[in-house]
Amino acid sequence: MIGRTLGFLLLLTASAGAEALRCKNGLVAPGDHKVEVLAACGEPVFREEVVEYPFRVAHGGRLPQVEYLPFGLVSEEWVYDFGPQRFRQLLRFRSNRLAAIETLSKP
């Protein structure tokens, strides 16, 4: 019984780590505001603003037609490097909220 409970707790811990990022001053997760991420993790080593142009594909004729929508969606990407013992982390923000956390390779 103890083995099953321990295994279940380890599974829960592993799945929680995939959805959140532990920084020196706290834990951040999707939905957190940029201010909360800065307070928990500090300044990133890299920031970049990205403009995505959404499109839709119409299937009316012989060939599909791609129609780009007349506005761009602005998002921001931050990279954190917590040292040689941890993987770098890419954080994506949309509308000032953390949208995704992606693990990058070691430098």
N, C-alpha and C. Protein backbone atom coordinates (compact mmCIF):
# COMPACT_ATOMS: atom_id res chain seq x y z
N MET A 1 0.82 -1.20 0.00
CA MET A 1 0.00 0.00 0.00
C MET A 1 0.86 1.26 0.00
N ILE A 2 1.93 1.24 0.81
CA ILE A 2 2.81 2.41 0.88
C ILE A 2 3.49 2.62 -0.46
N GLY A 3 3.88 1.55 -1.14
CA GLY A 3 4.52 1.66 -2.45
C GLY A 3 3.61 2.31 -3.48
N ARG A 4 2.33 1.92 -3.47
CA ARG A 4 1.37 2.53 -4.41
C ARG A 4 1.16 4.01 -4.11
N THR A 5 1.05 4.34 -2.84
CA THR A 5 0.84 5.73 -2.44
C THR A 5 2.04 6.57 -2.83
N LEU A 6 3.24 6.06 -2.59
CA LEU A 6 4.46 6.78 -2.94
C LEU A 6 4.55 6.96 -4.45
N GLY A 7 4.24 5.92 -5.21
CA GLY A 7 4.25 6.01 -6.68
C GLY A 7 3.25 7.03 -7.18
N PHE A 8 2.07 7.05 -6.58
CA PHE A 8 1.04 8.00 -6.97
C PHE A 8 1.49 9.43 -6.67
N LEU A 9 2.10 9.65 -5.51
CA LEU A 9 2.59 10.99 -5.16
C LEU A 9 3.71 11.43 -6.10
N LEU A 10 4.59 10.52 -6.47
CA LEU A 10 5.66 10.86 -7.42
C LEU A 10 5.07 11.21 -8.78
N LEU A 11 4.04 10.48 -9.20
CA LEU A 11 3.38 10.78 -10.47
C LEU A 11 2.74 12.16 -10.44
N LEU A 12 2.07 12.50 -9.35
CA LEU A 12 1.47 13.82 -9.21
C LEU A 12 2.53 14.92 -9.24
N THR A 13 3.65 14.70 -8.57
CA THR A 13 4.72 15.68 -8.55
C THR A 13 5.30 15.87 -9.94
N ALA A 14 5.51 14.80 -10.68
CA ALA A 14 6.07 14.90 -12.03
C ALA A 14 5.13 15.63 -12.96
N SER A 15 3.84 15.36 -12.87
CA SER A 15 2.89 16.02 -13.77
C SER A 15 2.73 17.49 -13.40
N ALA A 16 2.85 17.84 -12.12
CA ALA A 16 2.75 19.24 -11.72
C ALA A 16 3.93 20.03 -12.24
N GLY A 17 5.13 19.42 -12.31
CA GLY A 17 6.30 20.10 -12.81
C GLY A 17 6.20 20.46 -14.28
N ALA A 18 5.46 19.69 -15.05
CA ALA A 18 5.32 19.96 -16.47
C ALA A 18 4.44 21.18 -16.72
N GLU A 19 3.57 21.51 -15.79
CA GLU A 19 2.64 22.62 -15.95
C GLU A 19 3.10 23.89 -15.26
N ALA A 20 4.15 23.82 -14.47
CA ALA A 20 4.60 24.97 -13.69
C ALA A 20 6.12 25.04 -13.72
N LEU A 21 6.65 26.16 -13.29
CA LEU A 21 8.09 26.37 -13.25
C LEU A 21 8.47 26.89 -11.88
N ARG A 22 9.44 26.22 -11.25
CA ARG A 22 9.93 26.67 -9.95
C ARG A 22 11.08 27.63 -10.16
N CYS A 23 10.93 28.83 -9.60
CA CYS A 23 11.97 29.85 -9.63
C CYS A 23 12.46 30.07 -8.21
N LYS A 24 13.47 30.94 -8.05
CA LYS A 24 14.05 31.12 -6.72
C LYS A 24 13.09 31.75 -5.72
N ASN A 25 12.12 32.53 -6.21
CA ASN A 25 11.18 33.19 -5.30
C ASN A 25 9.75 32.66 -5.40
N GLY A 26 9.56 31.50 -5.99
CA GLY A 26 8.22 30.94 -6.04
C GLY A 26 7.98 30.10 -7.28
N LEU A 27 6.73 29.72 -7.45
CA LEU A 27 6.29 28.86 -8.53
C LEU A 27 5.42 29.68 -9.48
N VAL A 28 5.65 29.54 -10.81
CA VAL A 28 4.80 30.22 -11.79
C VAL A 28 4.12 29.18 -12.66
N ALA A 29 2.93 29.52 -13.16
CA ALA A 29 2.16 28.60 -13.97
C ALA A 29 1.36 29.39 -15.00
N PRO A 30 0.93 28.73 -16.08
CA PRO A 30 0.10 29.43 -17.06
C PRO A 30 -1.08 30.13 -16.39
N GLY A 31 -1.32 31.36 -16.85
CA GLY A 31 -2.36 32.19 -16.28
C GLY A 31 -1.80 33.29 -15.41
N ASP A 32 -0.55 33.12 -14.94
CA ASP A 32 0.07 34.14 -14.10
C ASP A 32 0.39 35.38 -14.95
N HIS A 33 0.31 36.56 -14.32
CA HIS A 33 0.62 37.83 -14.98
C HIS A 33 2.13 38.01 -15.06
N LYS A 34 2.60 38.80 -16.03
CA LYS A 34 4.03 39.07 -16.18
C LYS A 34 4.66 39.58 -14.89
N VAL A 35 3.94 40.42 -14.16
CA VAL A 35 4.46 40.98 -12.91
C VAL A 35 4.73 39.87 -11.90
N GLU A 36 3.85 38.89 -11.84
CA GLU A 36 4.04 37.77 -10.92
C GLU A 36 5.26 36.93 -11.32
N VAL A 37 5.44 36.74 -12.63
CA VAL A 37 6.59 35.97 -13.11
C VAL A 37 7.88 36.71 -12.80
N LEU A 38 7.91 38.02 -13.04
CA LEU A 38 9.11 38.81 -12.71
C LEU A 38 9.44 38.75 -11.23
N ALA A 39 8.42 38.80 -10.38
CA ALA A 39 8.64 38.74 -8.93
C ALA A 39 9.20 37.38 -8.52
N ALA A 40 8.73 36.31 -9.15
CA ALA A 40 9.16 34.97 -8.78
C ALA A 40 10.49 34.57 -9.41
N CYS A 41 10.71 34.98 -10.66
CA CYS A 41 11.86 34.48 -11.42
C CYS A 41 12.93 35.53 -11.71
N GLY A 42 12.62 36.81 -11.53
CA GLY A 42 13.59 37.84 -11.87
C GLY A 42 13.57 38.14 -13.36
N GLU A 43 14.58 38.88 -13.80
CA GLU A 43 14.68 39.26 -15.21
C GLU A 43 15.13 38.06 -16.05
N PRO A 44 14.54 37.86 -17.21
CA PRO A 44 14.99 36.78 -18.10
C PRO A 44 16.31 37.17 -18.77
N VAL A 45 17.02 36.17 -19.29
CA VAL A 45 18.26 36.44 -20.02
C VAL A 45 17.99 36.90 -21.44
N PHE A 46 16.77 36.67 -21.93
CA PHE A 46 16.41 37.04 -23.30
C PHE A 46 14.91 37.32 -23.35
N ARG A 47 14.56 38.39 -24.07
CA ARG A 47 13.14 38.72 -24.32
C ARG A 47 12.97 39.04 -25.79
N GLU A 48 11.85 38.61 -26.34
CA GLU A 48 11.56 38.93 -27.73
C GLU A 48 10.05 39.06 -27.91
N GLU A 49 9.66 40.10 -28.64
CA GLU A 49 8.25 40.27 -28.99
C GLU A 49 8.02 39.59 -30.33
N VAL A 50 6.95 38.82 -30.41
CA VAL A 50 6.63 38.06 -31.62
C VAL A 50 5.24 38.46 -32.09
N VAL A 51 5.12 38.72 -33.39
CA VAL A 51 3.82 39.03 -33.96
C VAL A 51 3.40 37.85 -34.83
N GLU A 52 2.27 37.28 -34.51
CA GLU A 52 1.73 36.15 -35.28
C GLU A 52 0.55 36.65 -36.09
N TYR A 53 0.51 36.25 -37.36
CA TYR A 53 -0.59 36.65 -38.22
C TYR A 53 -1.50 35.45 -38.45
N PRO A 54 -2.65 35.45 -37.80
CA PRO A 54 -3.56 34.31 -37.95
C PRO A 54 -4.13 34.24 -39.36
N PHE A 55 -4.47 33.04 -39.77
CA PHE A 55 -5.04 32.85 -41.10
C PHE A 55 -6.09 31.76 -41.05
N ARG A 56 -6.85 31.70 -42.10
CA ARG A 56 -7.80 30.60 -42.26
C ARG A 56 -7.68 30.10 -43.69
N VAL A 57 -8.02 28.85 -43.87
CA VAL A 57 -7.92 28.21 -45.18
C VAL A 57 -9.33 27.91 -45.66
N ALA A 58 -9.64 28.42 -46.86
CA ALA A 58 -10.96 28.17 -47.47
C ALA A 58 -10.80 27.07 -48.52
N HIS A 59 -11.70 26.12 -48.49
CA HIS A 59 -11.65 24.99 -49.43
C HIS A 59 -12.84 25.08 -50.37
N GLY A 60 -12.82 26.07 -51.28
CA GLY A 60 -13.96 26.24 -52.17
C GLY A 60 -13.68 25.82 -53.59
N GLY A 61 -12.47 25.98 -54.06
CA GLY A 61 -12.14 25.66 -55.45
C GLY A 61 -11.24 24.45 -55.55
N ARG A 62 -10.48 24.43 -56.64
CA ARG A 62 -9.57 23.31 -56.85
C ARG A 62 -8.41 23.32 -55.86
N LEU A 63 -7.95 24.54 -55.52
CA LEU A 63 -6.86 24.67 -54.56
C LEU A 63 -7.34 25.41 -53.32
N PRO A 64 -6.85 25.04 -52.17
CA PRO A 64 -7.23 25.78 -50.97
C PRO A 64 -6.69 27.22 -51.03
N GLN A 65 -7.47 28.15 -50.52
CA GLN A 65 -7.09 29.55 -50.50
C GLN A 65 -6.77 29.95 -49.06
N VAL A 66 -5.61 30.56 -48.87
CA VAL A 66 -5.20 31.02 -47.55
C VAL A 66 -5.54 32.49 -47.43
N GLU A 67 -6.26 32.83 -46.38
CA GLU A 67 -6.64 34.23 -46.14
C GLU A 67 -6.07 34.65 -44.79
N TYR A 68 -5.14 35.62 -44.84
CA TYR A 68 -4.58 36.15 -43.59
C TYR A 68 -5.53 37.19 -43.02
N LEU A 69 -5.75 37.13 -41.74
CA LEU A 69 -6.62 38.08 -41.09
C LEU A 69 -5.90 39.42 -40.96
N PRO A 70 -6.62 40.54 -40.96
CA PRO A 70 -6.00 41.86 -41.07
C PRO A 70 -5.38 42.39 -39.78
N PHE A 71 -5.06 41.55 -38.84
CA PHE A 71 -4.46 42.02 -37.60
C PHE A 71 -3.44 40.99 -37.13
N GLY A 72 -2.47 41.45 -36.37
CA GLY A 72 -1.47 40.56 -35.81
C GLY A 72 -1.71 40.36 -34.33
N LEU A 73 -1.39 39.19 -33.84
CA LEU A 73 -1.47 38.89 -32.42
C LEU A 73 -0.07 39.02 -31.83
N VAL A 74 0.09 39.91 -30.89
CA VAL A 74 1.39 40.14 -30.29
C VAL A 74 1.56 39.24 -29.07
N SER A 75 2.66 38.54 -29.04
CA SER A 75 3.00 37.73 -27.87
C SER A 75 4.45 38.04 -27.53
N GLU A 76 4.88 37.57 -26.38
CA GLU A 76 6.23 37.83 -25.94
C GLU A 76 6.84 36.52 -25.46
N GLU A 77 8.11 36.32 -25.75
CA GLU A 77 8.82 35.13 -25.30
C GLU A 77 9.98 35.54 -24.41
N TRP A 78 10.09 34.88 -23.27
CA TRP A 78 11.19 35.12 -22.33
C TRP A 78 11.94 33.81 -22.15
N VAL A 79 13.27 33.91 -22.04
CA VAL A 79 14.09 32.74 -21.78
C VAL A 79 14.80 32.93 -20.44
N TYR A 80 14.72 31.89 -19.62
CA TYR A 80 15.41 31.87 -18.33
C TYR A 80 16.48 30.78 -18.36
N ASP A 81 17.65 31.12 -17.83
CA ASP A 81 18.75 30.17 -17.69
C ASP A 81 19.11 30.13 -16.21
N PHE A 82 18.76 29.06 -15.54
CA PHE A 82 18.96 28.93 -14.10
C PHE A 82 20.28 28.24 -13.75
N GLY A 83 21.20 28.14 -14.68
CA GLY A 83 22.50 27.56 -14.40
C GLY A 83 22.72 26.23 -15.09
N PRO A 84 23.93 25.69 -14.95
CA PRO A 84 24.31 24.48 -15.69
C PRO A 84 23.60 23.21 -15.24
N GLN A 85 22.99 23.22 -14.08
CA GLN A 85 22.32 22.02 -13.57
C GLN A 85 20.86 21.91 -14.00
N ARG A 86 20.34 22.95 -14.66
CA ARG A 86 18.93 22.95 -15.07
C ARG A 86 18.82 23.32 -16.54
N PHE A 87 17.77 22.83 -17.18
CA PHE A 87 17.50 23.19 -18.57
C PHE A 87 17.00 24.63 -18.64
N ARG A 88 17.28 25.28 -19.76
CA ARG A 88 16.73 26.62 -19.98
C ARG A 88 15.23 26.49 -20.20
N GLN A 89 14.49 27.55 -19.86
CA GLN A 89 13.03 27.54 -19.96
C GLN A 89 12.57 28.70 -20.84
N LEU A 90 11.66 28.41 -21.76
CA LEU A 90 11.05 29.42 -22.62
C LEU A 90 9.63 29.66 -22.12
N LEU A 91 9.32 30.91 -21.80
CA LEU A 91 7.99 31.27 -21.33
C LEU A 91 7.33 32.13 -22.39
N ARG A 92 6.10 31.77 -22.79
CA ARG A 92 5.35 32.54 -23.79
C ARG A 92 4.20 33.26 -23.10
N PHE A 93 4.08 34.54 -23.42
CA PHE A 93 3.02 35.37 -22.86
C PHE A 93 2.09 35.84 -23.97
N ARG A 94 0.81 35.84 -23.68
CA ARG A 94 -0.21 36.44 -24.55
C ARG A 94 -1.10 37.29 -23.67
N SER A 95 -1.30 38.55 -24.08
CA SER A 95 -2.11 39.50 -23.30
C SER A 95 -1.60 39.62 -21.87
N ASN A 96 -0.28 39.68 -21.72
CA ASN A 96 0.39 39.86 -20.43
C ASN A 96 0.21 38.69 -19.47
N ARG A 97 -0.29 37.57 -19.93
CA ARG A 97 -0.46 36.37 -19.10
C ARG A 97 0.42 35.25 -19.63
N LEU A 98 0.97 34.47 -18.73
CA LEU A 98 1.79 33.34 -19.11
C LEU A 98 0.91 32.29 -19.80
N ALA A 99 1.23 32.00 -21.05
CA ALA A 99 0.42 31.07 -21.83
C ALA A 99 1.03 29.67 -21.88
N ALA A 100 2.37 29.58 -21.90
CA ALA A 100 3.01 28.27 -22.02
C ALA A 100 4.43 28.30 -21.47
N ILE A 101 4.87 27.15 -21.00
CA ILE A 101 6.23 26.96 -20.50
C ILE A 101 6.83 25.80 -21.31
N GLU A 102 7.99 26.05 -21.91
CA GLU A 102 8.63 25.03 -22.72
C GLU A 102 10.07 24.85 -22.25
N THR A 103 10.49 23.62 -22.09
CA THR A 103 11.86 23.31 -21.69
C THR A 103 12.75 23.28 -22.92
N LEU A 104 13.85 24.01 -22.87
CA LEU A 104 14.82 24.05 -23.96
C LEU A 104 16.02 23.18 -23.60
N SER A 105 16.89 22.95 -24.56
CA SER A 105 18.09 22.18 -24.29
C SER A 105 19.08 22.99 -23.47
N LYS A 106 20.04 22.31 -22.90
CA LYS A 106 21.09 23.00 -22.16
C LYS A 106 21.98 23.73 -23.16
N PRO A 107 22.57 24.86 -22.74
CA PRO A 107 23.43 25.61 -23.68
C PRO A 107 24.67 24.85 -24.08
